Amino acid sequence: MSPSNPANSVGQMAASLALTRTPPAQTDTPAKIKDAAQQFEALLLAQILHSAHESGGGWLGSGGDSSSDSLGDYAEQQLAAVMAKNGGLGLAKMIAQGLERKGNPSQPPPSP
């Protein structure tokens, strides 16, 4: 019995999996795309708000302790989520349009 080459067996296993794997079902609905784009914009807005808050000192300009830092972080996240849900910077809309167009290449690009 000859020793097997681990690289060969991994390559053979990958090849057999590639042959038997079925393509993933299309699960990117417009609602899921819009939700993901809004979550991304909320994350970006939260980072912007956090950076602005760090440069300005504590909560409402006063020195802060750990509880006010936690409250401030939560407030920033909630404000960012509400802003993104209500249009925010418009990034979520542009991202969703781009992803929907990528999923449906026959769709014409939006007019400016």
PDB file of N, CA and C in Angstrom:
ATOM      1  N   MET A   1       0.837  -1.170   0.000  1.00  0.00           N
ATOM      2  CA  MET A   1       0.000   0.000   0.000  1.00  0.00           C
ATOM      3  C   MET A   1       0.890   1.243   0.000  1.00  0.00           C
ATOM      4  N   SER A   2       0.671   2.173  -0.918  1.00  0.00           N
ATOM      5  CA  SER A   2       1.505   3.363  -1.013  1.00  0.00           C
ATOM      6  C   SER A   2       0.873   4.489  -0.202  1.00  0.00           C
ATOM      7  N   PRO A   3       1.719   5.380   0.361  1.00  0.00           N
ATOM      8  CA  PRO A   3       1.181   6.499   1.132  1.00  0.00           C
ATOM      9  C   PRO A   3       0.448   7.462   0.206  1.00  0.00           C
ATOM     10  N   SER A   4      -0.664   7.981   0.669  1.00  0.00           N
ATOM     11  CA  SER A   4      -1.432   8.908  -0.174  1.00  0.00           C
ATOM     12  C   SER A   4      -0.929  10.328   0.034  1.00  0.00           C
ATOM     13  N   ASN A   5      -0.987  11.087  -1.026  1.00  0.00           N
ATOM     14  CA  ASN A   5      -0.573  12.478  -0.995  1.00  0.00           C
ATOM     15  C   ASN A   5      -1.763  13.307  -0.503  1.00  0.00           C
ATOM     16  N   PRO A   6      -1.628  14.023   0.642  1.00  0.00           N
ATOM     17  CA  PRO A   6      -2.758  14.795   1.160  1.00  0.00           C
ATOM     18  C   PRO A   6      -3.257  15.848   0.180  1.00  0.00           C
ATOM     19  N   ALA A   7      -2.363  16.465  -0.571  1.00  0.00           N
ATOM     20  CA  ALA A   7      -2.779  17.484  -1.537  1.00  0.00           C
ATOM     21  C   ALA A   7      -3.644  16.859  -2.624  1.00  0.00           C
ATOM     22  N   ASN A   8      -3.279  15.649  -3.057  1.00  0.00           N
ATOM     23  CA  ASN A   8      -4.067  14.950  -4.068  1.00  0.00           C
ATOM     24  C   ASN A   8      -5.458  14.630  -3.565  1.00  0.00           C
ATOM     25  N   SER A   9      -5.559  14.106  -2.332  1.00  0.00           N
ATOM     26  CA  SER A   9      -6.867  13.723  -1.813  1.00  0.00           C
ATOM     27  C   SER A   9      -7.757  14.954  -1.600  1.00  0.00           C
ATOM     28  N   VAL A  10      -7.177  16.063  -1.171  1.00  0.00           N
ATOM     29  CA  VAL A  10      -7.954  17.288  -1.008  1.00  0.00           C
ATOM     30  C   VAL A  10      -8.421  17.780  -2.370  1.00  0.00           C
ATOM     31  N   GLY A  11      -7.543  17.737  -3.349  1.00  0.00           N
ATOM     32  CA  GLY A  11      -7.915  18.156  -4.697  1.00  0.00           C
ATOM     33  C   GLY A  11      -9.002  17.287  -5.285  1.00  0.00           C
ATOM     34  N   GLN A  12      -8.917  15.983  -5.064  1.00  0.00           N
ATOM     35  CA  GLN A  12      -9.941  15.070  -5.566  1.00  0.00           C
ATOM     36  C   GLN A  12     -11.274  15.311  -4.871  1.00  0.00           C
ATOM     37  N   MET A  13     -11.218  15.565  -3.551  1.00  0.00           N
ATOM     38  CA  MET A  13     -12.445  15.819  -2.807  1.00  0.00           C
ATOM     39  C   MET A  13     -13.089  17.118  -3.295  1.00  0.00           C
ATOM     40  N   ALA A  14     -12.285  18.150  -3.518  1.00  0.00           N
ATOM     41  CA  ALA A  14     -12.809  19.424  -4.001  1.00  0.00           C
ATOM     42  C   ALA A  14     -13.433  19.256  -5.382  1.00  0.00           C
ATOM     43  N   ALA A  15     -12.781  18.466  -6.234  1.00  0.00           N
ATOM     44  CA  ALA A  15     -13.312  18.239  -7.581  1.00  0.00           C
ATOM     45  C   ALA A  15     -14.641  17.500  -7.522  1.00  0.00           C
ATOM     46  N   SER A  16     -14.732  16.505  -6.653  1.00  0.00           N
ATOM     47  CA  SER A  16     -15.989  15.755  -6.567  1.00  0.00           C
ATOM     48  C   SER A  16     -17.093  16.613  -5.973  1.00  0.00           C
ATOM     49  N   LEU A  17     -16.763  17.495  -5.018  1.00  0.00           N
ATOM     50  CA  LEU A  17     -17.772  18.382  -4.464  1.00  0.00           C
ATOM     51  C   LEU A  17     -18.241  19.381  -5.499  1.00  0.00           C
ATOM     52  N   ALA A  18     -17.330  19.866  -6.320  1.00  0.00           N
ATOM     53  CA  ALA A  18     -17.688  20.830  -7.357  1.00  0.00           C
ATOM     54  C   ALA A  18     -18.636  20.206  -8.370  1.00  0.00           C
ATOM     55  N   LEU A  19     -18.471  18.928  -8.637  1.00  0.00           N
ATOM     56  CA  LEU A  19     -19.331  18.249  -9.600  1.00  0.00           C
ATOM     57  C   LEU A  19     -20.710  17.965  -9.026  1.00  0.00           C
ATOM     58  N   THR A  20     -20.795  17.740  -7.722  1.00  0.00           N
ATOM     59  CA  THR A  20     -22.077  17.374  -7.129  1.00  0.00           C
ATOM     60  C   THR A  20     -22.809  18.562  -6.531  1.00  0.00           C
ATOM     61  N   ARG A  21     -22.171  19.685  -6.416  1.00  0.00           N
ATOM     62  CA  ARG A  21     -22.798  20.851  -5.794  1.00  0.00           C
ATOM     63  C   ARG A  21     -23.811  21.481  -6.731  1.00  0.00           C
ATOM     64  N   THR A  22     -24.963  21.805  -6.192  1.00  0.00           N
ATOM     65  CA  THR A  22     -25.976  22.486  -6.992  1.00  0.00           C
ATOM     66  C   THR A  22     -25.829  23.988  -6.792  1.00  0.00           C
ATOM     67  N   PRO A  23     -26.147  24.762  -7.793  1.00  0.00           N
ATOM     68  CA  PRO A  23     -26.016  26.214  -7.645  1.00  0.00           C
ATOM     69  C   PRO A  23     -26.983  26.724  -6.575  1.00  0.00           C
ATOM     70  N   PRO A  24     -26.593  27.762  -5.836  1.00  0.00           N
ATOM     71  CA  PRO A  24     -27.464  28.287  -4.794  1.00  0.00           C
ATOM     72  C   PRO A  24     -28.721  28.914  -5.390  1.00  0.00           C
ATOM     73  N   ALA A  25     -29.804  28.808  -4.661  1.00  0.00           N
ATOM     74  CA  ALA A  25     -31.062  29.392  -5.114  1.00  0.00           C
ATOM     75  C   ALA A  25     -30.982  30.912  -5.001  1.00  0.00           C
ATOM     76  N   GLN A  26     -31.694  31.589  -5.861  1.00  0.00           N
ATOM     77  CA  GLN A  26     -31.724  33.044  -5.823  1.00  0.00           C
ATOM     78  C   GLN A  26     -32.564  33.474  -4.625  1.00  0.00           C
ATOM     79  N   THR A  27     -31.921  34.009  -3.600  1.00  0.00           N
ATOM     80  CA  THR A  27     -32.630  34.408  -2.390  1.00  0.00           C
ATOM     81  C   THR A  27     -32.531  35.899  -2.135  1.00  0.00           C
ATOM     82  N   ASP A  28     -31.933  36.635  -3.037  1.00  0.00           N
ATOM     83  CA  ASP A  28     -31.772  38.072  -2.850  1.00  0.00           C
ATOM     84  C   ASP A  28     -33.002  38.803  -3.377  1.00  0.00           C
ATOM     85  N   THR A  29     -34.002  38.916  -2.514  1.00  0.00           N
ATOM     86  CA  THR A  29     -35.207  39.637  -2.894  1.00  0.00           C
ATOM     87  C   THR A  29     -34.947  41.140  -2.740  1.00  0.00           C
ATOM     88  N   PRO A  30     -35.716  41.957  -3.424  1.00  0.00           N
ATOM     89  CA  PRO A  30     -35.524  43.409  -3.268  1.00  0.00           C
ATOM     90  C   PRO A  30     -35.646  43.873  -1.812  1.00  0.00           C
ATOM     91  N   ALA A  31     -36.521  43.238  -1.035  1.00  0.00           N
ATOM     92  CA  ALA A  31     -36.671  43.625   0.374  1.00  0.00           C
ATOM     93  C   ALA A  31     -35.409  43.303   1.163  1.00  0.00           C
ATOM     94  N   LYS A  32     -34.796  42.141   0.900  1.00  0.00           N
ATOM     95  CA  LYS A  32     -33.561  41.776   1.597  1.00  0.00           C
ATOM     96  C   LYS A  32     -32.413  42.691   1.191  1.00  0.00           C
ATOM     97  N   ILE A  33     -32.351  43.038  -0.081  1.00  0.00           N
ATOM     98  CA  ILE A  33     -31.306  43.935  -0.569  1.00  0.00           C
ATOM     99  C   ILE A  33     -31.454  45.305   0.082  1.00  0.00           C
ATOM    100  N   LYS A  34     -32.690  45.816   0.141  1.00  0.00           N
ATOM    101  CA  LYS A  34     -32.931  47.126   0.749  1.00  0.00           C
ATOM    102  C   LYS A  34     -32.560  47.104   2.228  1.00  0.00           C
ATOM    103  N   ASP A  35     -32.927  46.031   2.936  1.00  0.00           N
ATOM    104  CA  ASP A  35     -32.613  45.915   4.361  1.00  0.00           C
ATOM    105  C   ASP A  35     -31.101  45.884   4.587  1.00  0.00           C
ATOM    106  N   ALA A  36     -30.394  45.103   3.785  1.00  0.00           N
ATOM    107  CA  ALA A  36     -28.932  45.018   3.926  1.00  0.00           C
ATOM    108  C   ALA A  36     -28.282  46.365   3.630  1.00  0.00           C
ATOM    109  N   ALA A  37     -28.767  47.066   2.626  1.00  0.00           N
ATOM    110  CA  ALA A  37     -28.209  48.377   2.283  1.00  0.00           C
ATOM    111  C   ALA A  37     -28.463  49.379   3.410  1.00  0.00           C
ATOM    112  N   GLN A  38     -29.666  49.329   4.023  1.00  0.00           N
ATOM    113  CA  GLN A  38     -29.964  50.221   5.143  1.00  0.00           C
ATOM    114  C   GLN A  38     -29.089  49.892   6.348  1.00  0.00           C
ATOM    115  N   GLN A  39     -28.858  48.611   6.608  1.00  0.00           N
ATOM    116  CA  GLN A  39     -27.992  48.228   7.721  1.00  0.00           C
ATOM    117  C   GLN A  39     -26.565  48.727   7.492  1.00  0.00           C
ATOM    118  N   PHE A  40     -26.097  48.627   6.252  1.00  0.00           N
ATOM    119  CA  PHE A  40     -24.755  49.113   5.939  1.00  0.00           C
ATOM    120  C   PHE A  40     -24.676  50.617   6.149  1.00  0.00           C
ATOM    121  N   GLU A  41     -25.668  51.354   5.651  1.00  0.00           N
ATOM    122  CA  GLU A  41     -25.651  52.801   5.825  1.00  0.00           C
ATOM    123  C   GLU A  41     -25.734  53.168   7.308  1.00  0.00           C
ATOM    124  N   ALA A  42     -26.534  52.445   8.082  1.00  0.00           N
ATOM    125  CA  ALA A  42     -26.628  52.705   9.522  1.00  0.00           C
ATOM    126  C   ALA A  42     -25.277  52.481  10.199  1.00  0.00           C
ATOM    127  N   LEU A  43     -24.580  51.435   9.795  1.00  0.00           N
ATOM    128  CA  LEU A  43     -23.257  51.167  10.363  1.00  0.00           C
ATOM    129  C   LEU A  43     -22.288  52.304  10.036  1.00  0.00           C
ATOM    130  N   LEU A  44     -22.316  52.768   8.805  1.00  0.00           N
ATOM    131  CA  LEU A  44     -21.456  53.873   8.392  1.00  0.00           C
ATOM    132  C   LEU A  44     -21.800  55.153   9.148  1.00  0.00           C
ATOM    133  N   LEU A  45     -23.085  55.451   9.267  1.00  0.00           N
ATOM    134  CA  LEU A  45     -23.506  56.641  10.005  1.00  0.00           C
ATOM    135  C   LEU A  45     -23.116  56.555  11.479  1.00  0.00           C
ATOM    136  N   ALA A  46     -23.238  55.366  12.066  1.00  0.00           N
ATOM    137  CA  ALA A  46     -22.854  55.181  13.466  1.00  0.00           C
ATOM    138  C   ALA A  46     -21.364  55.458  13.649  1.00  0.00           C
ATOM    139  N   GLN A  47     -20.553  55.024  12.708  1.00  0.00           N
ATOM    140  CA  GLN A  47     -19.113  55.283  12.791  1.00  0.00           C
ATOM    141  C   GLN A  47     -18.816  56.780  12.678  1.00  0.00           C
ATOM    142  N   ILE A  48     -19.522  57.456  11.802  1.00  0.00           N
ATOM    143  CA  ILE A  48     -19.341  58.902  11.649  1.00  0.00           C
ATOM    144  C   ILE A  48     -19.746  59.618  12.937  1.00  0.00           C
ATOM    145  N   LEU A  49     -20.910  59.248  13.493  1.00  0.00           N
ATOM    146  CA  LEU A  49     -21.372  59.866  14.732  1.00  0.00           C
ATOM    147  C   LEU A  49     -20.409  59.582  15.882  1.00  0.00           C
ATOM    148  N   HIS A  50     -19.904  58.354  15.939  1.00  0.00           N
ATOM    149  CA  HIS A  50     -18.967  57.984  17.002  1.00  0.00           C
ATOM    150  C   HIS A  50     -17.687  58.806  16.899  1.00  0.00           C
ATOM    151  N   SER A  51     -17.180  58.989  15.704  1.00  0.00           N
ATOM    152  CA  SER A  51     -15.970  59.801  15.511  1.00  0.00           C
ATOM    153  C   SER A  51     -16.212  61.246  15.923  1.00  0.00           C
ATOM    154  N   ALA A  52     -17.369  61.778  15.568  1.00  0.00           N
ATOM    155  CA  ALA A  52     -17.690  63.155  15.944  1.00  0.00           C
ATOM    156  C   ALA A  52     -17.835  63.275  17.459  1.00  0.00           C
ATOM    157  N   HIS A  53     -18.435  62.277  18.074  1.00  0.00           N
ATOM    158  CA  HIS A  53     -18.636  62.297  19.524  1.00  0.00           C
ATOM    159  C   HIS A  53     -17.312  62.189  20.259  1.00  0.00           C
ATOM    160  N   GLU A  54     -16.402  61.356  19.762  1.00  0.00           N
ATOM    161  CA  GLU A  54     -15.090  61.198  20.412  1.00  0.00           C
ATOM    162  C   GLU A  54     -14.294  62.494  20.385  1.00  0.00           C
ATOM    163  N   SER A  55     -14.395  63.230  19.325  1.00  0.00           N
ATOM    164  CA  SER A  55     -13.609  64.458  19.210  1.00  0.00           C
ATOM    165  C   SER A  55     -14.179  65.588  20.063  1.00  0.00           C
ATOM    166  N   GLY A  56     -15.455  65.466  20.472  1.00  0.00           N
ATOM    167  CA  GLY A  56     -16.097  66.535  21.218  1.00  0.00           C
ATOM    168  C   GLY A  56     -16.124  66.342  22.714  1.00  0.00           C
ATOM    169  N   GLY A  57     -15.583  65.281  23.239  1.00  0.00           N
ATOM    170  CA  GLY A  57     -15.606  65.056  24.683  1.00  0.00           C
ATOM    171  C   GLY A  57     -16.716  64.103  25.083  1.00  0.00           C
ATOM    172  N   GLY A  58     -17.216  64.262  26.296  1.00  0.00           N
ATOM    173  CA  GLY A  58     -18.223  63.361  26.850  1.00  0.00           C
ATOM    174  C   GLY A  58     -19.626  63.667  26.362  1.00  0.00           C
ATOM    175  N   TRP A  59     -20.616  63.075  27.037  1.00  0.00           N
ATOM    176  CA  TRP A  59     -22.019  63.240  26.692  1.00  0.00           C
ATOM    177  C   TRP A  59     -22.404  64.705  26.853  1.00  0.00           C
ATOM    178  N   LEU A  60     -22.884  65.311  25.822  1.00  0.00           N
ATOM    179  CA  LEU A  60     -23.282  66.714  25.794  1.00  0.00           C
ATOM    180  C   LEU A  60     -22.159  67.649  26.231  1.00  0.00           C
ATOM    181  N   GLY A  61     -20.941  67.291  25.898  1.00  0.00           N
ATOM    182  CA  GLY A  61     -19.802  68.140  26.164  1.00  0.00           C
ATOM    183  C   GLY A  61     -19.203  68.002  27.546  1.00  0.00           C
ATOM    184  N   SER A  62     -19.826  67.207  28.422  1.00  0.00           N
ATOM    185  CA  SER A  62     -19.271  67.036  29.769  1.00  0.00           C
ATOM    186  C   SER A  62     -18.373  65.811  29.802  1.00  0.00           C
ATOM    187  N   GLY A  63     -17.555  65.724  30.823  1.00  0.00           N
ATOM    188  CA  GLY A  63     -16.728  64.537  30.992  1.00  0.00           C
ATOM    189  C   GLY A  63     -17.628  63.347  31.267  1.00  0.00           C
ATOM    190  N   GLY A  64     -17.285  62.190  30.752  1.00  0.00           N
ATOM    191  CA  GLY A  64     -18.184  61.055  30.884  1.00  0.00           C
ATOM    192  C   GLY A  64     -17.575  59.899  31.633  1.00  0.00           C
ATOM    193  N   ASP A  65     -18.461  59.070  32.192  1.00  0.00           N
ATOM    194  CA  ASP A  65     -18.023  57.826  32.807  1.00  0.00           C
ATOM    195  C   ASP A  65     -18.451  56.674  31.909  1.00  0.00           C
ATOM    196  N   SER A  66     -18.262  55.450  32.365  1.00  0.00           N
ATOM    197  CA  SER A  66     -18.546  54.293  31.508  1.00  0.00           C
ATOM    198  C   SER A  66     -20.030  54.165  31.185  1.00  0.00           C
ATOM    199  N   SER A  67     -20.902  54.524  32.122  1.00  0.00           N
ATOM    200  CA  SER A  67     -22.336  54.409  31.834  1.00  0.00           C
ATOM    201  C   SER A  67     -22.779  55.435  30.801  1.00  0.00           C
ATOM    202  N   SER A  68     -22.251  56.653  30.877  1.00  0.00           N
ATOM    203  CA  SER A  68     -22.632  57.645  29.871  1.00  0.00           C
ATOM    204  C   SER A  68     -22.020  57.294  28.520  1.00  0.00           C
ATOM    205  N   ASP A  69     -20.846  56.644  28.522  1.00  0.00           N
ATOM    206  CA  ASP A  69     -20.250  56.188  27.262  1.00  0.00           C
ATOM    207  C   ASP A  69     -21.131  55.125  26.611  1.00  0.00           C
ATOM    208  N   SER A  70     -21.645  54.200  27.434  1.00  0.00           N
ATOM    209  CA  SER A  70     -22.528  53.149  26.913  1.00  0.00           C
ATOM    210  C   SER A  70     -23.819  53.748  26.377  1.00  0.00           C
ATOM    211  N   LEU A  71     -24.382  54.680  27.131  1.00  0.00           N
ATOM    212  CA  LEU A  71     -25.607  55.343  26.697  1.00  0.00           C
ATOM    213  C   LEU A  71     -25.370  56.116  25.403  1.00  0.00           C
ATOM    214  N   GLY A  72     -24.238  56.789  25.328  1.00  0.00           N
ATOM    215  CA  GLY A  72     -23.909  57.535  24.113  1.00  0.00           C
ATOM    216  C   GLY A  72     -23.755  56.625  22.908  1.00  0.00           C
ATOM    217  N   ASP A  73     -23.086  55.486  23.104  1.00  0.00           N
ATOM    218  CA  ASP A  73     -22.927  54.522  22.004  1.00  0.00           C
ATOM    219  C   ASP A  73     -24.280  54.006  21.532  1.00  0.00           C
ATOM    220  N   TYR A  74     -25.157  53.692  22.492  1.00  0.00           N
ATOM    221  CA  TYR A  74     -26.482  53.182  22.138  1.00  0.00           C
ATOM    222  C   TYR A  74     -27.279  54.256  21.391  1.00  0.00           C
ATOM    223  N   ALA A  75     -27.215  55.492  21.887  1.00  0.00           N
ATOM    224  CA  ALA A  75     -27.932  56.587  21.236  1.00  0.00           C
ATOM    225  C   ALA A  75     -27.423  56.803  19.810  1.00  0.00           C
ATOM    226  N   GLU A  76     -26.108  56.730  19.622  1.00  0.00           N
ATOM    227  CA  GLU A  76     -25.531  56.894  18.284  1.00  0.00           C
ATOM    228  C   GLU A  76     -26.014  55.801  17.341  1.00  0.00           C
ATOM    229  N   GLN A  77     -26.038  54.557  17.826  1.00  0.00           N
ATOM    230  CA  GLN A  77     -26.492  53.437  16.991  1.00  0.00           C
ATOM    231  C   GLN A  77     -27.959  53.592  16.615  1.00  0.00           C
ATOM    232  N   GLN A  78     -28.793  53.978  17.581  1.00  0.00           N
ATOM    233  CA  GLN A  78     -30.220  54.140  17.305  1.00  0.00           C
ATOM    234  C   GLN A  78     -30.477  55.302  16.355  1.00  0.00           C
ATOM    235  N   LEU A  79     -29.780  56.414  16.575  1.00  0.00           N
ATOM    236  CA  LEU A  79     -29.923  57.560  15.678  1.00  0.00           C
ATOM    237  C   LEU A  79     -29.492  57.182  14.263  1.00  0.00           C
ATOM    238  N   ALA A  80     -28.397  56.468  14.143  1.00  0.00           N
ATOM    239  CA  ALA A  80     -27.912  56.040  12.823  1.00  0.00           C
ATOM    240  C   ALA A  80     -28.918  55.121  12.144  1.00  0.00           C
ATOM    241  N   ALA A  81     -29.521  54.196  12.898  1.00  0.00           N
ATOM    242  CA  ALA A  81     -30.503  53.273  12.314  1.00  0.00           C
ATOM    243  C   ALA A  81     -31.740  54.023  11.827  1.00  0.00           C
ATOM    244  N   VAL A  82     -32.220  54.982  12.618  1.00  0.00           N
ATOM    245  CA  VAL A  82     -33.392  55.766  12.223  1.00  0.00           C
ATOM    246  C   VAL A  82     -33.062  56.639  11.009  1.00  0.00           C
ATOM    247  N   MET A  83     -31.893  57.244  11.026  1.00  0.00           N
ATOM    248  CA  MET A  83     -31.489  58.075   9.883  1.00  0.00           C
ATOM    249  C   MET A  83     -31.424  57.240   8.608  1.00  0.00           C
ATOM    250  N   ALA A  84     -30.815  56.065   8.677  1.00  0.00           N
ATOM    251  CA  ALA A  84     -30.687  55.210   7.491  1.00  0.00           C
ATOM    252  C   ALA A  84     -32.061  54.745   7.009  1.00  0.00           C
ATOM    253  N   LYS A  85     -32.947  54.417   7.948  1.00  0.00           N
ATOM    254  CA  LYS A  85     -34.285  53.946   7.572  1.00  0.00           C
ATOM    255  C   LYS A  85     -35.085  55.042   6.875  1.00  0.00           C
ATOM    256  N   ASN A  86     -34.818  56.290   7.235  1.00  0.00           N
ATOM    257  CA  ASN A  86     -35.555  57.417   6.657  1.00  0.00           C
ATOM    258  C   ASN A  86     -34.804  58.135   5.542  1.00  0.00           C
ATOM    259  N   GLY A  87     -33.843  57.466   4.949  1.00  0.00           N
ATOM    260  CA  GLY A  87     -33.152  58.044   3.797  1.00  0.00           C
ATOM    261  C   GLY A  87     -31.701  58.369   4.047  1.00  0.00           C
ATOM    262  N   GLY A  88     -31.371  58.776   5.262  1.00  0.00           N
ATOM    263  CA  GLY A  88     -29.984  59.042   5.621  1.00  0.00           C
ATOM    264  C   GLY A  88     -29.259  59.904   4.609  1.00  0.00           C
ATOM    265  N   LEU A  89     -28.129  59.415   4.171  1.00  0.00           N
ATOM    266  CA  LEU A  89     -27.315  60.108   3.173  1.00  0.00           C
ATOM    267  C   LEU A  89     -27.673  59.705   1.748  1.00  0.00           C
ATOM    268  N   GLY A  90     -28.605  58.775   1.607  1.00  0.00           N
ATOM    269  CA  GLY A  90     -28.995  58.294   0.288  1.00  0.00           C
ATOM    270  C   GLY A  90     -28.152  57.123  -0.198  1.00  0.00           C
ATOM    271  N   LEU A  91     -27.227  56.665   0.648  1.00  0.00           N
ATOM    272  CA  LEU A  91     -26.355  55.563   0.240  1.00  0.00           C
ATOM    273  C   LEU A  91     -27.118  54.253   0.103  1.00  0.00           C
ATOM    274  N   ALA A  92     -28.039  53.988   1.028  1.00  0.00           N
ATOM    275  CA  ALA A  92     -28.779  52.723   0.985  1.00  0.00           C
ATOM    276  C   ALA A  92     -29.541  52.588  -0.325  1.00  0.00           C
ATOM    277  N   LYS A  93     -30.152  53.675  -0.766  1.00  0.00           N
ATOM    278  CA  LYS A  93     -30.917  53.656  -2.022  1.00  0.00           C
ATOM    279  C   LYS A  93     -30.001  53.362  -3.209  1.00  0.00           C
ATOM    280  N   MET A  94     -28.837  54.032  -3.236  1.00  0.00           N
ATOM    281  CA  MET A  94     -27.900  53.805  -4.350  1.00  0.00           C
ATOM    282  C   MET A  94     -27.340  52.381  -4.330  1.00  0.00           C
ATOM    283  N   ILE A  95     -27.013  51.879  -3.144  1.00  0.00           N
ATOM    284  CA  ILE A  95     -26.475  50.524  -3.027  1.00  0.00           C
ATOM    285  C   ILE A  95     -27.527  49.512  -3.452  1.00  0.00           C
ATOM    286  N   ALA A  96     -28.768  49.681  -2.978  1.00  0.00           N
ATOM    287  CA  ALA A  96     -29.837  48.751  -3.326  1.00  0.00           C
ATOM    288  C   ALA A  96     -30.081  48.754  -4.837  1.00  0.00           C
ATOM    289  N   GLN A  97     -30.090  49.934  -5.453  1.00  0.00           N
ATOM    290  CA  GLN A  97     -30.291  50.007  -6.907  1.00  0.00           C
ATOM    291  C   GLN A  97     -29.170  49.290  -7.646  1.00  0.00           C
ATOM    292  N   GLY A  98     -27.944  49.486  -7.196  1.00  0.00           N
ATOM    293  CA  GLY A  98     -26.810  48.826  -7.849  1.00  0.00           C
ATOM    294  C   GLY A  98     -26.868  47.315  -7.711  1.00  0.00           C
ATOM    295  N   LEU A  99     -27.234  46.830  -6.519  1.00  0.00           N
ATOM    296  CA  LEU A  99     -27.312  45.380  -6.312  1.00  0.00           C
ATOM    297  C   LEU A  99     -28.480  44.770  -7.075  1.00  0.00           C
ATOM    298  N   GLU A 100     -29.604  45.478  -7.118  1.00  0.00           N
ATOM    299  CA  GLU A 100     -30.747  44.960  -7.875  1.00  0.00           C
ATOM    300  C   GLU A 100     -30.429  44.921  -9.364  1.00  0.00           C
ATOM    301  N   ARG A 101     -29.724  45.936  -9.852  1.00  0.00           N
ATOM    302  CA  ARG A 101     -29.340  45.973 -11.268  1.00  0.00           C
ATOM    303  C   ARG A 101     -28.349  44.856 -11.575  1.00  0.00           C
ATOM    304  N   LYS A 102     -27.445  44.573 -10.616  1.00  0.00           N
ATOM    305  CA  LYS A 102     -26.473  43.494 -10.818  1.00  0.00           C
ATOM    306  C   LYS A 102     -27.182  42.150 -10.893  1.00  0.00           C
ATOM    307  N   GLY A 103     -28.229  41.977 -10.088  1.00  0.00           N
ATOM    308  CA  GLY A 103     -28.990  40.732 -10.106  1.00  0.00           C
ATOM    309  C   GLY A 103     -29.884  40.603 -11.325  1.00  0.00           C
ATOM    310  N   ASN A 104     -30.217  41.726 -11.958  1.00  0.00           N
ATOM    311  CA  ASN A 104     -31.080  41.747 -13.131  1.00  0.00           C
ATOM    312  C   ASN A 104     -30.431  42.641 -14.185  1.00  0.00           C
ATOM    313  N   PRO A 105     -29.438  42.115 -14.947  1.00  0.00           N
ATOM    314  CA  PRO A 105     -28.687  42.952 -15.886  1.00  0.00           C
ATOM    315  C   PRO A 105     -29.532  43.557 -17.007  1.00  0.00           C
ATOM    316  N   SER A 106     -30.722  43.045 -17.258  1.00  0.00           N
ATOM    317  CA  SER A 106     -31.554  43.603 -18.340  1.00  0.00           C
ATOM    318  C   SER A 106     -32.223  44.898 -17.922  1.00  0.00           C
ATOM    319  N   GLN A 107     -32.185  45.217 -16.616  1.00  0.00           N
ATOM    320  CA  GLN A 107     -32.798  46.445 -16.115  1.00  0.00           C
ATOM    321  C   GLN A 107     -31.933  47.648 -16.511  1.00  0.00           C
ATOM    322  N   PRO A 108     -32.542  48.711 -17.079  1.00  0.00           N
ATOM    323  CA  PRO A 108     -31.751  49.881 -17.468  1.00  0.00           C
ATOM    324  C   PRO A 108     -31.294  50.652 -16.241  1.00  0.00           C
ATOM    325  N   PRO A 109     -30.155  51.357 -16.339  1.00  0.00           N
ATOM    326  CA  PRO A 109     -29.687  52.150 -15.214  1.00  0.00           C
ATOM    327  C   PRO A 109     -30.632  53.319 -14.947  1.00  0.00           C
ATOM    328  N   PRO A 110     -30.754  53.742 -13.673  1.00  0.00           N
ATOM    329  CA  PRO A 110     -31.662  54.850 -13.374  1.00  0.00           C
ATOM    330  C   PRO A 110     -31.131  56.146 -13.962  1.00  0.00           C
ATOM    331  N   SER A 111     -32.066  57.021 -14.311  1.00  0.00           N
ATOM    332  CA  SER A 111     -31.664  58.319 -14.871  1.00  0.00           C
ATOM    333  C   SER A 111     -31.227  59.222 -13.723  1.00  0.00           C
ATOM    334  N   PRO A 112     -30.245  60.087 -13.965  1.00  0.00           N
ATOM    335  CA  PRO A 112     -29.731  60.963 -12.902  1.00  0.00           C
ATOM    336  C   PRO A 112     -30.669  62.027 -12.457  1.00  0.00           C
TER     337      PRO A 112
END
